Amino acid sequence: MRVVISVRHRGPLWNWPSDATERLQREFPQVEFVEISDPAQLEPALAPAEVYVGWRLSPEQFAAAPRLAWIHSPAAAVHQLLFPALVASPVRLTSARAAHGPVVAAHALALMLALARGLHRARDLQHRAEWSPTTLLQAPGGIRELRGETALIAGLGEIGRALVQHLKQQQMRVLALRRRPELGSEGADEVYAPDQLPALLPQSQWLVLAVPVTDSTRAWVGAHELARMRADAFLINVGRGALVDEPALAEALRHARIAGAGLDVFEQEPLPPGSPLWSLPSVLITPHTAGATPALWERQREIFAENLRRYLAHEPLRYELDKQRGY
């Protein structure tokens, strides 16, 4: 059985380490592992492959892999893989969302604490050698604590569940949105269906986006939703950039209709130099590093190895997605 691994990215942090493949080969000597670094070599390598590990796969590459039975994405989000032919096929799709959930939740908390304490503005003052506590105190959002405030978490997957625990430790009131509220609140104070987003925004000082990109969530937070948010509210996006209408967000921030935003993901990455988000003092930007950790690839390898054992034993796979729903 052949497993093709092609996890290459312009950022070195997100490249699959060769020693991970070597370890897999020692664990599974009966499996042929082929690691591809040149995209031009991917299609011929896939022809006899049964399993593919990678961020992306084009419809043409998929068509050239008639024996493919399982695709594993090292990313939490898989919308880039959900083209019609793959969705309609019997090929199974898993993700490594468990590798990212806890660290992304911690990153979201870090963004919230930084914004609440005005650290983004304090860093701007530092660069100007300017000692001005008044600037921080009188800025939109001011300096405050999380305790007693209300956070609305959109999505109760791996990220959302971990974030609920963090925010409850901060003594916050936590509301949550999930597609099937009957599955439970995961520790949140209240849980609602996604269509309740507009109704819940006026009572929330924090909106945290941690949902996948689907037809129903693309540009989910736009001008209408931003207008419903409080003037002292912050938006945190650790999901995907496509969840937010970025021009509408920039407009709301420019006019201080909301207090600010902590953004790790963007519609276009890298974020173009001309984006107004770069220059807005109420925005805290991280370059899609919420999932970064020295332990990332060891967790990735462990997740894939466990699922490969299950696959070879004809057992249910962990973290398998519903391709029709997109998560």
C-alpha atoms as a PDB file:
ATOM      1  CA  MET A   1       0.000   0.000   0.000  1.00  0.00           C
ATOM      2  CA  ARG A   2       1.322   3.438  -0.925  1.00  0.00           C
ATOM      3  CA  VAL A   3       0.964   6.596   1.182  1.00  0.00           C
ATOM      4  CA  VAL A   4       1.909   9.843  -0.538  1.00  0.00           C
ATOM      5  CA  ILE A   5       2.871  12.780   1.690  1.00  0.00           C
ATOM      6  CA  SER A   6       3.030  16.254   0.153  1.00  0.00           C
ATOM      7  CA  VAL A   7       2.966  18.932   2.821  1.00  0.00           C
ATOM      8  CA  ARG A   8       4.917  21.871   1.465  1.00  0.00           C
ATOM      9  CA  HIS A   9       4.364  25.525   2.305  1.00  0.00           C
ATOM     10  CA  ARG A  10       6.147  28.817   1.710  1.00  0.00           C
ATOM     11  CA  GLY A  11       6.513  29.127   5.486  1.00  0.00           C
ATOM     12  CA  PRO A  12       9.057  26.617   6.859  1.00  0.00           C
ATOM     13  CA  LEU A  13       7.033  26.125  10.043  1.00  0.00           C
ATOM     14  CA  TRP A  14       4.297  24.380   8.048  1.00  0.00           C
ATOM     15  CA  ASN A  15       6.479  21.894   6.164  1.00  0.00           C
ATOM     16  CA  TRP A  16       6.254  18.219   7.042  1.00  0.00           C
ATOM     17  CA  PRO A  17       9.620  17.134   8.543  1.00  0.00           C
ATOM     18  CA  SER A  18      11.381  14.250   6.811  1.00  0.00           C
ATOM     19  CA  ASP A  19      12.141  12.531  10.103  1.00  0.00           C
ATOM     20  CA  ALA A  20       8.388  12.130  10.607  1.00  0.00           C
ATOM     21  CA  THR A  21       8.207  10.087   7.394  1.00  0.00           C
ATOM     22  CA  GLU A  22      11.205   8.039   8.470  1.00  0.00           C
ATOM     23  CA  ARG A  23       9.551   7.234  11.787  1.00  0.00           C
ATOM     24  CA  LEU A  24       6.323   6.247  10.058  1.00  0.00           C
ATOM     25  CA  GLN A  25       8.266   3.923   7.780  1.00  0.00           C
ATOM     26  CA  ARG A  26       9.802   2.200  10.800  1.00  0.00           C
ATOM     27  CA  GLU A  27       6.381   1.880  12.468  1.00  0.00           C
ATOM     28  CA  PHE A  28       4.684   0.571   9.327  1.00  0.00           C
ATOM     29  CA  PRO A  29       7.258  -1.427   7.335  1.00  0.00           C
ATOM     30  CA  GLN A  30       4.484  -2.980   5.246  1.00  0.00           C
ATOM     31  CA  VAL A  31       3.531   0.458   3.849  1.00  0.00           C
ATOM     32  CA  GLU A  32       5.355   2.371   1.111  1.00  0.00           C
ATOM     33  CA  PHE A  33       5.722   6.055   2.062  1.00  0.00           C
ATOM     34  CA  VAL A  34       6.518   8.510  -0.713  1.00  0.00           C
ATOM     35  CA  GLU A  35       7.315  12.090   0.279  1.00  0.00           C
ATOM     36  CA  ILE A  36       6.866  14.669  -2.506  1.00  0.00           C
ATOM     37  CA  SER A  37       8.425  18.141  -2.390  1.00  0.00           C
ATOM     38  CA  ASP A  38       8.048  19.078  -6.079  1.00  0.00           C
ATOM     39  CA  PRO A  39       4.380  19.710  -6.999  1.00  0.00           C
ATOM     40  CA  ALA A  40       5.097  18.541 -10.544  1.00  0.00           C
ATOM     41  CA  GLN A  41       5.846  15.073  -9.195  1.00  0.00           C
ATOM     42  CA  LEU A  42       2.644  14.754  -7.195  1.00  0.00           C
ATOM     43  CA  GLU A  43       0.279  13.569  -9.931  1.00  0.00           C
ATOM     44  CA  PRO A  44       2.373  10.579 -11.108  1.00  0.00           C
ATOM     45  CA  ALA A  45       3.101   9.624  -7.483  1.00  0.00           C
ATOM     46  CA  LEU A  46      -0.623   9.545  -6.716  1.00  0.00           C
ATOM     47  CA  ALA A  47      -1.546   7.136  -9.502  1.00  0.00           C
ATOM     48  CA  PRO A  48      -0.960   3.953  -7.412  1.00  0.00           C
ATOM     49  CA  ALA A  49      -1.591   5.625  -4.018  1.00  0.00           C
ATOM     50  CA  GLU A  50      -4.267   4.536  -1.570  1.00  0.00           C
ATOM     51  CA  VAL A  51      -3.672   7.294   0.995  1.00  0.00           C
ATOM     52  CA  TYR A  52      -2.722  10.951   0.534  1.00  0.00           C
ATOM     53  CA  VAL A  53      -1.507  13.377   3.210  1.00  0.00           C
ATOM     54  CA  GLY A  54      -1.551  17.003   2.110  1.00  0.00           C
ATOM     55  CA  TRP A  55      -3.015  20.482   2.347  1.00  0.00           C
ATOM     56  CA  ARG A  56      -4.433  20.582  -1.167  1.00  0.00           C
ATOM     57  CA  LEU A  57      -5.380  18.408  -4.104  1.00  0.00           C
ATOM     58  CA  SER A  58      -6.671  19.694  -7.434  1.00  0.00           C
ATOM     59  CA  PRO A  59      -9.568  18.021  -9.265  1.00  0.00           C
ATOM     60  CA  GLU A  60      -7.078  16.997 -11.970  1.00  0.00           C
ATOM     61  CA  GLN A  61      -4.745  15.374  -9.455  1.00  0.00           C
ATOM     62  CA  PHE A  62      -7.682  13.647  -7.805  1.00  0.00           C
ATOM     63  CA  ALA A  63      -8.820  12.259 -11.170  1.00  0.00           C
ATOM     64  CA  ALA A  64      -5.321  10.846 -11.689  1.00  0.00           C
ATOM     65  CA  ALA A  65      -5.525   8.843  -8.450  1.00  0.00           C
ATOM     66  CA  PRO A  66      -8.100   6.075  -9.108  1.00  0.00           C
ATOM     67  CA  ARG A  67      -6.998   3.953  -6.123  1.00  0.00           C
ATOM     68  CA  LEU A  68      -7.227   6.758  -3.573  1.00  0.00           C
ATOM     69  CA  ALA A  69      -9.381   5.787  -0.581  1.00  0.00           C
ATOM     70  CA  TRP A  70      -8.393   8.200   2.177  1.00  0.00           C
ATOM     71  CA  ILE A  71      -7.136  11.800   2.321  1.00  0.00           C
ATOM     72  CA  HIS A  72      -5.682  13.209   5.521  1.00  0.00           C
ATOM     73  CA  SER A  73      -5.268  16.991   5.856  1.00  0.00           C
ATOM     74  CA  PRO A  74      -2.716  18.324   8.360  1.00  0.00           C
ATOM     75  CA  ALA A  75      -4.891  21.448   8.551  1.00  0.00           C
ATOM     76  CA  ALA A  76      -7.990  21.847  10.681  1.00  0.00           C
ATOM     77  CA  ALA A  77      -9.882  23.434   7.782  1.00  0.00           C
ATOM     78  CA  VAL A  78     -10.540  21.376   4.653  1.00  0.00           C
ATOM     79  CA  HIS A  79     -12.723  23.661   2.531  1.00  0.00           C
ATOM     80  CA  GLN A  80      -9.972  23.829  -0.115  1.00  0.00           C
ATOM     81  CA  LEU A  81     -10.394  20.074  -0.669  1.00  0.00           C
ATOM     82  CA  LEU A  82     -14.164  20.016  -1.015  1.00  0.00           C
ATOM     83  CA  PHE A  83     -14.546  20.205  -4.780  1.00  0.00           C
ATOM     84  CA  PRO A  84     -17.586  18.377  -6.250  1.00  0.00           C
ATOM     85  CA  ALA A  85     -15.816  15.236  -7.498  1.00  0.00           C
ATOM     86  CA  LEU A  86     -14.205  14.582  -4.124  1.00  0.00           C
ATOM     87  CA  VAL A  87     -17.374  15.300  -2.175  1.00  0.00           C
ATOM     88  CA  ALA A  88     -19.341  12.886  -4.369  1.00  0.00           C
ATOM     89  CA  SER A  89     -16.711  10.149  -4.125  1.00  0.00           C
ATOM     90  CA  PRO A  90     -16.381   7.407  -1.468  1.00  0.00           C
ATOM     91  CA  VAL A  91     -12.912   8.729  -0.535  1.00  0.00           C
ATOM     92  CA  ARG A  92     -12.697   9.354   3.194  1.00  0.00           C
ATOM     93  CA  LEU A  93     -11.440  12.668   4.545  1.00  0.00           C
ATOM     94  CA  THR A  94      -9.837  13.298   7.936  1.00  0.00           C
ATOM     95  CA  SER A  95      -8.179  16.359   9.452  1.00  0.00           C
ATOM     96  CA  ALA A  96      -5.670  17.055  12.206  1.00  0.00           C
ATOM     97  CA  ARG A  97      -7.916  19.456  14.075  1.00  0.00           C
ATOM     98  CA  ALA A  98      -6.959  17.913  17.419  1.00  0.00           C
ATOM     99  CA  ALA A  99      -3.335  18.977  16.844  1.00  0.00           C
ATOM    100  CA  HIS A 100      -4.384  22.617  16.552  1.00  0.00           C
ATOM    101  CA  GLY A 101      -7.322  23.029  18.920  1.00  0.00           C
ATOM    102  CA  PRO A 102      -5.659  23.611  22.321  1.00  0.00           C
ATOM    103  CA  VAL A 103      -2.881  25.899  21.068  1.00  0.00           C
ATOM    104  CA  VAL A 104      -5.244  27.947  18.863  1.00  0.00           C
ATOM    105  CA  ALA A 105      -7.585  28.368  21.836  1.00  0.00           C
ATOM    106  CA  ALA A 106      -4.643  29.602  23.919  1.00  0.00           C
ATOM    107  CA  HIS A 107      -3.736  32.028  21.115  1.00  0.00           C
ATOM    108  CA  ALA A 108      -7.301  33.354  21.063  1.00  0.00           C
ATOM    109  CA  LEU A 109      -7.118  33.920  24.815  1.00  0.00           C
ATOM    110  CA  ALA A 110      -3.769  35.697  24.375  1.00  0.00           C
ATOM    111  CA  LEU A 111      -5.303  38.028  21.778  1.00  0.00           C
ATOM    112  CA  MET A 112      -8.207  38.761  24.100  1.00  0.00           C
ATOM    113  CA  LEU A 113      -5.948  39.528  27.068  1.00  0.00           C
ATOM    114  CA  ALA A 114      -3.668  41.719  24.950  1.00  0.00           C
ATOM    115  CA  LEU A 115      -6.606  43.718  23.602  1.00  0.00           C
ATOM    116  CA  ALA A 116      -8.289  43.999  26.993  1.00  0.00           C
ATOM    117  CA  ARG A 117      -5.098  45.348  28.572  1.00  0.00           C
ATOM    118  CA  GLY A 118      -4.257  47.623  25.633  1.00  0.00           C
ATOM    119  CA  LEU A 119      -0.958  45.867  24.903  1.00  0.00           C
ATOM    120  CA  HIS A 120      -1.288  46.454  21.163  1.00  0.00           C
ATOM    121  CA  ARG A 121      -1.483  50.206  21.742  1.00  0.00           C
ATOM    122  CA  ALA A 122       1.227  50.093  24.419  1.00  0.00           C
ATOM    123  CA  ARG A 123       3.593  48.535  21.869  1.00  0.00           C
ATOM    124  CA  ASP A 124       2.848  51.416  19.486  1.00  0.00           C
ATOM    125  CA  LEU A 125       3.706  53.877  22.265  1.00  0.00           C
ATOM    126  CA  GLN A 126       6.899  51.949  22.991  1.00  0.00           C
ATOM    127  CA  HIS A 127       8.032  52.281  19.381  1.00  0.00           C
ATOM    128  CA  ARG A 128       7.589  56.050  19.724  1.00  0.00           C
ATOM    129  CA  ALA A 129       9.275  56.165  23.178  1.00  0.00           C
ATOM    130  CA  GLU A 130       6.066  57.762  24.426  1.00  0.00           C
ATOM    131  CA  TRP A 131       4.892  57.386  28.046  1.00  0.00           C
ATOM    132  CA  SER A 132       1.147  58.004  27.861  1.00  0.00           C
ATOM    133  CA  PRO A 133      -1.182  55.947  30.075  1.00  0.00           C
ATOM    134  CA  THR A 134      -3.965  58.356  29.171  1.00  0.00           C
ATOM    135  CA  THR A 135      -3.718  57.226  25.539  1.00  0.00           C
ATOM    136  CA  LEU A 136      -4.396  53.654  26.617  1.00  0.00           C
ATOM    137  CA  LEU A 137      -7.145  54.501  29.085  1.00  0.00           C
ATOM    138  CA  GLN A 138      -9.076  56.717  26.682  1.00  0.00           C
ATOM    139  CA  ALA A 139      -8.741  54.550  23.548  1.00  0.00           C
ATOM    140  CA  PRO A 140     -11.797  52.615  22.304  1.00  0.00           C
ATOM    141  CA  GLY A 141     -12.128  49.638  24.593  1.00  0.00           C
ATOM    142  CA  GLY A 142      -9.833  51.220  27.154  1.00  0.00           C
ATOM    143  CA  ILE A 143      -7.999  49.006  29.652  1.00  0.00           C
ATOM    144  CA  ARG A 144     -10.172  46.414  31.354  1.00  0.00           C
ATOM    145  CA  GLU A 145     -10.361  42.839  32.572  1.00  0.00           C
ATOM    146  CA  LEU A 146     -12.161  39.853  31.099  1.00  0.00           C
ATOM    147  CA  ARG A 147     -13.857  38.915  34.354  1.00  0.00           C
ATOM    148  CA  GLY A 148     -17.567  39.633  34.261  1.00  0.00           C
ATOM    149  CA  GLU A 149     -17.685  40.272  30.514  1.00  0.00           C
ATOM    150  CA  THR A 150     -19.579  38.179  27.975  1.00  0.00           C
ATOM    151  CA  ALA A 151     -17.846  36.234  25.231  1.00  0.00           C
ATOM    152  CA  LEU A 152     -19.705  34.709  22.285  1.00  0.00           C
ATOM    153  CA  ILE A 153     -17.808  31.768  20.792  1.00  0.00           C
ATOM    154  CA  ALA A 154     -18.902  30.775  17.302  1.00  0.00           C
ATOM    155  CA  GLY A 155     -18.027  27.100  16.969  1.00  0.00           C
ATOM    156  CA  LEU A 156     -17.658  24.356  19.577  1.00  0.00           C
ATOM    157  CA  GLY A 157     -15.119  22.163  17.846  1.00  0.00           C
ATOM    158  CA  GLU A 158     -11.642  21.453  19.178  1.00  0.00           C
ATOM    159  CA  ILE A 159     -10.824  25.163  19.437  1.00  0.00           C
ATOM    160  CA  GLY A 160     -14.130  26.299  20.867  1.00  0.00           C
ATOM    161  CA  ARG A 161     -14.299  23.613  23.539  1.00  0.00           C
ATOM    162  CA  ALA A 162     -10.811  24.426  24.794  1.00  0.00           C
ATOM    163  CA  LEU A 163     -11.522  28.153  24.711  1.00  0.00           C
ATOM    164  CA  VAL A 164     -14.672  27.753  26.809  1.00  0.00           C
ATOM    165  CA  GLN A 165     -12.527  26.328  29.609  1.00  0.00           C
ATOM    166  CA  HIS A 166     -10.005  29.179  29.365  1.00  0.00           C
ATOM    167  CA  LEU A 167     -12.711  31.833  29.492  1.00  0.00           C
ATOM    168  CA  LYS A 168     -14.573  30.253  32.381  1.00  0.00           C
ATOM    169  CA  GLN A 169     -11.295  30.358  34.316  1.00  0.00           C
ATOM    170  CA  GLN A 170     -11.291  34.095  33.604  1.00  0.00           C
ATOM    171  CA  GLN A 171     -14.752  34.233  35.229  1.00  0.00           C
ATOM    172  CA  MET A 172     -16.435  35.314  32.017  1.00  0.00           C
ATOM    173  CA  ARG A 173     -19.963  34.629  30.923  1.00  0.00           C
ATOM    174  CA  VAL A 174     -19.624  32.405  27.878  1.00  0.00           C
ATOM    175  CA  LEU A 175     -22.237  31.995  25.149  1.00  0.00           C
ATOM    176  CA  ALA A 176     -21.698  29.592  22.275  1.00  0.00           C
ATOM    177  CA  LEU A 177     -23.041  28.900  18.812  1.00  0.00           C
ATOM    178  CA  ARG A 178     -23.077  25.446  17.262  1.00  0.00           C
ATOM    179  CA  ARG A 179     -25.007  23.925  14.400  1.00  0.00           C
ATOM    180  CA  ARG A 180     -26.637  21.374  16.688  1.00  0.00           C
ATOM    181  CA  PRO A 181     -27.225  22.985  20.100  1.00  0.00           C
ATOM    182  CA  GLU A 182     -28.802  19.749  21.339  1.00  0.00           C
ATOM    183  CA  LEU A 183     -25.303  18.234  21.476  1.00  0.00           C
ATOM    184  CA  GLY A 184     -24.598  20.344  24.553  1.00  0.00           C
ATOM    185  CA  SER A 185     -22.864  23.489  25.722  1.00  0.00           C
ATOM    186  CA  GLU A 186     -19.376  21.990  26.387  1.00  0.00           C
ATOM    187  CA  GLY A 187     -19.227  24.043  29.581  1.00  0.00           C
ATOM    188  CA  ALA A 188     -20.539  27.310  28.148  1.00  0.00           C
ATOM    189  CA  ASP A 189     -23.286  29.069  30.068  1.00  0.00           C
ATOM    190  CA  GLU A 190     -25.684  28.975  27.124  1.00  0.00           C
ATOM    191  CA  VAL A 191     -25.634  27.453  23.645  1.00  0.00           C
ATOM    192  CA  TYR A 192     -27.591  28.561  20.575  1.00  0.00           C
ATOM    193  CA  ALA A 193     -27.992  27.804  16.885  1.00  0.00           C
ATOM    194  CA  PRO A 194     -25.895  29.894  14.434  1.00  0.00           C
ATOM    195  CA  ASP A 195     -28.912  31.879  13.246  1.00  0.00           C
ATOM    196  CA  GLN A 196     -29.012  33.515  16.690  1.00  0.00           C
ATOM    197  CA  LEU A 197     -25.747  35.371  16.035  1.00  0.00           C
ATOM    198  CA  PRO A 198     -27.358  38.787  15.332  1.00  0.00           C
ATOM    199  CA  ALA A 199     -29.546  38.575  18.445  1.00  0.00           C
ATOM    200  CA  LEU A 200     -26.599  37.737  20.724  1.00  0.00           C
ATOM    201  CA  LEU A 201     -24.148  40.367  19.471  1.00  0.00           C
ATOM    202  CA  PRO A 202     -25.587  43.337  21.428  1.00  0.00           C
ATOM    203  CA  GLN A 203     -24.937  41.565  24.741  1.00  0.00           C
ATOM    204  CA  SER A 204     -21.404  40.343  23.951  1.00  0.00           C
ATOM    205  CA  GLN A 205     -18.178  42.252  24.486  1.00  0.00           C
ATOM    206  CA  TRP A 206     -16.236  39.569  22.608  1.00  0.00           C
ATOM    207  CA  LEU A 207     -17.010  37.634  19.441  1.00  0.00           C
ATOM    208  CA  VAL A 208     -14.625  34.755  18.727  1.00  0.00           C
ATOM    209  CA  LEU A 209     -14.831  33.008  15.354  1.00  0.00           C
ATOM    210  CA  ALA A 210     -13.743  29.359  15.327  1.00  0.00           C
ATOM    211  CA  VAL A 211     -16.010  27.796  12.712  1.00  0.00           C
ATOM    212  CA  PRO A 212     -15.120  26.180   9.368  1.00  0.00           C
ATOM    213  CA  VAL A 213     -15.737  27.899   6.053  1.00  0.00           C
ATOM    214  CA  THR A 214     -18.914  26.594   4.434  1.00  0.00           C
ATOM    215  CA  ASP A 215     -21.479  28.114   2.109  1.00  0.00           C
ATOM    216  CA  SER A 216     -23.402  29.334   5.158  1.00  0.00           C
ATOM    217  CA  THR A 217     -20.409  30.864   6.992  1.00  0.00           C
ATOM    218  CA  ARG A 218     -18.564  32.587   4.153  1.00  0.00           C
ATOM    219  CA  ALA A 219     -18.567  36.357   4.883  1.00  0.00           C
ATOM    220  CA  TRP A 220     -20.680  35.449   7.920  1.00  0.00           C
ATOM    221  CA  VAL A 221     -19.675  38.596   9.794  1.00  0.00           C
ATOM    222  CA  GLY A 222     -20.393  41.549   7.542  1.00  0.00           C
ATOM    223  CA  ALA A 223     -21.680  45.085   7.814  1.00  0.00           C
ATOM    224  CA  HIS A 224     -25.025  44.007   9.295  1.00  0.00           C
ATOM    225  CA  GLU A 225     -23.435  41.922  12.047  1.00  0.00           C
ATOM    226  CA  LEU A 226     -20.773  44.544  12.809  1.00  0.00           C
ATOM    227  CA  ALA A 227     -23.527  47.134  13.207  1.00  0.00           C
ATOM    228  CA  ARG A 228     -25.139  44.901  15.833  1.00  0.00           C
ATOM    229  CA  MET A 229     -21.936  44.693  17.891  1.00  0.00           C
ATOM    230  CA  ARG A 230     -21.337  46.913  20.891  1.00  0.00           C
ATOM    231  CA  ALA A 231     -19.037  49.935  20.662  1.00  0.00           C
ATOM    232  CA  ASP A 232     -16.823  48.310  23.339  1.00  0.00           C
ATOM    233  CA  ALA A 233     -16.762  44.911  21.605  1.00  0.00           C
ATOM    234  CA  PHE A 234     -13.787  43.139  20.059  1.00  0.00           C
ATOM    235  CA  LEU A 235     -13.768  40.621  17.199  1.00  0.00           C
ATOM    236  CA  ILE A 236     -11.325  37.692  17.393  1.00  0.00           C
ATOM    237  CA  ASN A 237     -10.845  35.552  14.285  1.00  0.00           C
ATOM    238  CA  VAL A 238      -8.824  32.338  14.620  1.00  0.00           C
ATOM    239  CA  GLY A 239     -11.030  30.404  12.185  1.00  0.00           C
ATOM    240  CA  ARG A 240     -10.563  31.450   8.567  1.00  0.00           C
ATOM    241  CA  GLY A 241     -10.327  34.829   6.880  1.00  0.00           C
ATOM    242  CA  ALA A 242     -13.275  34.069   4.621  1.00  0.00           C
ATOM    243  CA  LEU A 243     -15.596  34.207   7.640  1.00  0.00           C
ATOM    244  CA  VAL A 244     -15.319  38.006   7.744  1.00  0.00           C
ATOM    245  CA  ASP A 245     -16.123  40.736   5.231  1.00  0.00           C
ATOM    246  CA  GLU A 246     -12.765  42.488   5.624  1.00  0.00           C
ATOM    247  CA  PRO A 247     -13.690  45.812   3.946  1.00  0.00           C
ATOM    248  CA  ALA A 248     -16.739  46.071   6.210  1.00  0.00           C
ATOM    249  CA  LEU A 249     -14.586  45.267   9.234  1.00  0.00           C
ATOM    250  CA  ALA A 250     -12.003  47.887   8.287  1.00  0.00           C
ATOM    251  CA  GLU A 251     -14.777  50.464   7.900  1.00  0.00           C
ATOM    252  CA  ALA A 252     -16.263  49.623  11.308  1.00  0.00           C
ATOM    253  CA  LEU A 253     -12.841  49.851  12.950  1.00  0.00           C
ATOM    254  CA  ARG A 254     -11.908  53.067  11.171  1.00  0.00           C
ATOM    255  CA  HIS A 255     -15.001  54.760  12.618  1.00  0.00           C
ATOM    256  CA  ALA A 256     -14.643  53.099  16.060  1.00  0.00           C
ATOM    257  CA  ARG A 257     -18.001  51.376  15.724  1.00  0.00           C
ATOM    258  CA  ILE A 258     -16.359  48.474  17.552  1.00  0.00           C
ATOM    259  CA  ALA A 259     -13.390  48.682  19.913  1.00  0.00           C
ATOM    260  CA  GLY A 260     -10.964  46.545  17.927  1.00  0.00           C
ATOM    261  CA  ALA A 261     -10.022  43.175  16.482  1.00  0.00           C
ATOM    262  CA  GLY A 262      -7.488  40.409  16.988  1.00  0.00           C
ATOM    263  CA  LEU A 263      -6.922  38.669  13.658  1.00  0.00           C
ATOM    264  CA  ASP A 264      -4.806  35.625  12.854  1.00  0.00           C
ATOM    265  CA  VAL A 265      -6.391  34.688   9.519  1.00  0.00           C
ATOM    266  CA  PHE A 266      -7.274  36.624   6.396  1.00  0.00           C
ATOM    267  CA  GLU A 267      -9.109  36.234   3.105  1.00  0.00           C
ATOM    268  CA  GLN A 268      -5.799  36.613   1.238  1.00  0.00           C
ATOM    269  CA  GLU A 269      -2.575  35.421   2.840  1.00  0.00           C
ATOM    270  CA  PRO A 270      -0.081  36.930   3.198  1.00  0.00           C
ATOM    271  CA  LEU A 271      -2.230  39.950   3.995  1.00  0.00           C
ATOM    272  CA  PRO A 272      -1.499  42.433   1.172  1.00  0.00           C
ATOM    273  CA  PRO A 273       0.625  45.448   2.162  1.00  0.00           C
ATOM    274  CA  GLY A 274      -2.167  47.735   0.985  1.00  0.00           C
ATOM    275  CA  SER A 275      -4.768  46.321   3.355  1.00  0.00           C
ATOM    276  CA  PRO A 276      -6.113  49.036   5.676  1.00  0.00           C
ATOM    277  CA  LEU A 277      -6.052  46.511   8.529  1.00  0.00           C
ATOM    278  CA  TRP A 278      -2.273  46.945   8.828  1.00  0.00           C
ATOM    279  CA  SER A 279      -2.483  50.601   9.810  1.00  0.00           C
ATOM    280  CA  LEU A 280      -5.494  50.580  12.118  1.00  0.00           C
ATOM    281  CA  PRO A 281      -4.285  51.087  15.712  1.00  0.00           C
ATOM    282  CA  SER A 282      -7.213  49.091  17.111  1.00  0.00           C
ATOM    283  CA  VAL A 283      -6.148  45.912  15.280  1.00  0.00           C
ATOM    284  CA  LEU A 284      -3.761  43.262  16.580  1.00  0.00           C
ATOM    285  CA  ILE A 285      -2.479  41.057  13.735  1.00  0.00           C
ATOM    286  CA  THR A 286      -0.658  37.739  13.935  1.00  0.00           C
ATOM    287  CA  PRO A 287       0.442  36.078  10.649  1.00  0.00           C
ATOM    288  CA  HIS A 288      -1.597  32.855  10.831  1.00  0.00           C
ATOM    289  CA  THR A 289       0.512  31.544  13.705  1.00  0.00           C
ATOM    290  CA  ALA A 290      -2.260  30.596  16.142  1.00  0.00           C
ATOM    291  CA  GLY A 291      -1.507  26.919  15.579  1.00  0.00           C
ATOM    292  CA  ALA A 292       2.274  27.282  15.804  1.00  0.00           C
ATOM    293  CA  THR A 293       4.078  25.253  18.448  1.00  0.00           C
ATOM    294  CA  PRO A 294       7.305  23.233  18.583  1.00  0.00           C
ATOM    295  CA  ALA A 295       5.114  20.202  19.326  1.00  0.00           C
ATOM    296  CA  LEU A 296       3.028  20.635  16.151  1.00  0.00           C
ATOM    297  CA  TRP A 297       4.572  17.998  13.920  1.00  0.00           C
ATOM    298  CA  GLU A 298       4.945  15.395  16.629  1.00  0.00           C
ATOM    299  CA  ARG A 299       1.221  15.761  17.323  1.00  0.00           C
ATOM    300  CA  GLN A 300       0.542  15.593  13.591  1.00  0.00           C
ATOM    301  CA  ARG A 301       2.554  12.399  13.223  1.00  0.00           C
ATOM    302  CA  GLU A 302       0.846  10.785  16.215  1.00  0.00           C
ATOM    303  CA  ILE A 303      -2.619  11.591  14.896  1.00  0.00           C
ATOM    304  CA  PHE A 304      -1.852  10.226  11.434  1.00  0.00           C
ATOM    305  CA  ALA A 305      -0.093   7.125  12.805  1.00  0.00           C
ATOM    306  CA  GLU A 306      -3.063   6.303  15.032  1.00  0.00           C
ATOM    307  CA  ASN A 307      -5.448   6.670  12.113  1.00  0.00           C
ATOM    308  CA  LEU A 308      -3.210   4.624   9.836  1.00  0.00           C
ATOM    309  CA  ARG A 309      -3.278   1.807  12.378  1.00  0.00           C
ATOM    310  CA  ARG A 310      -7.057   2.073  12.415  1.00  0.00           C
ATOM    311  CA  TYR A 311      -7.233   2.158   8.625  1.00  0.00           C
ATOM    312  CA  LEU A 312      -5.117  -0.980   8.258  1.00  0.00           C
ATOM    313  CA  ALA A 313      -7.256  -2.732  10.883  1.00  0.00           C
ATOM    314  CA  HIS A 314     -10.516  -1.609   9.176  1.00  0.00           C
ATOM    315  CA  GLU A 315     -11.523   0.351  12.279  1.00  0.00           C
ATOM    316  CA  PRO A 316     -13.310   3.738  12.377  1.00  0.00           C
ATOM    317  CA  LEU A 317     -11.024   6.708  11.692  1.00  0.00           C
ATOM    318  CA  ARG A 318     -10.726   9.536  14.180  1.00  0.00           C
ATOM    319  CA  TYR A 319     -11.475  13.118  13.090  1.00  0.00           C
ATOM    320  CA  GLU A 320     -13.303  12.015   9.954  1.00  0.00           C
ATOM    321  CA  LEU A 321     -15.330  14.756   8.311  1.00  0.00           C
ATOM    322  CA  ASP A 322     -18.743  14.837   6.739  1.00  0.00           C
ATOM    323  CA  LYS A 323     -17.826  16.024   3.240  1.00  0.00           C
ATOM    324  CA  GLN A 324     -21.346  17.272   2.544  1.00  0.00           C
ATOM    325  CA  ARG A 325     -21.345  19.501   5.611  1.00  0.00           C
ATOM    326  CA  GLY A 326     -17.689  20.481   5.302  1.00  0.00           C
ATOM    327  CA  TYR A 327     -16.691  19.652   8.899  1.00  0.00           C
END
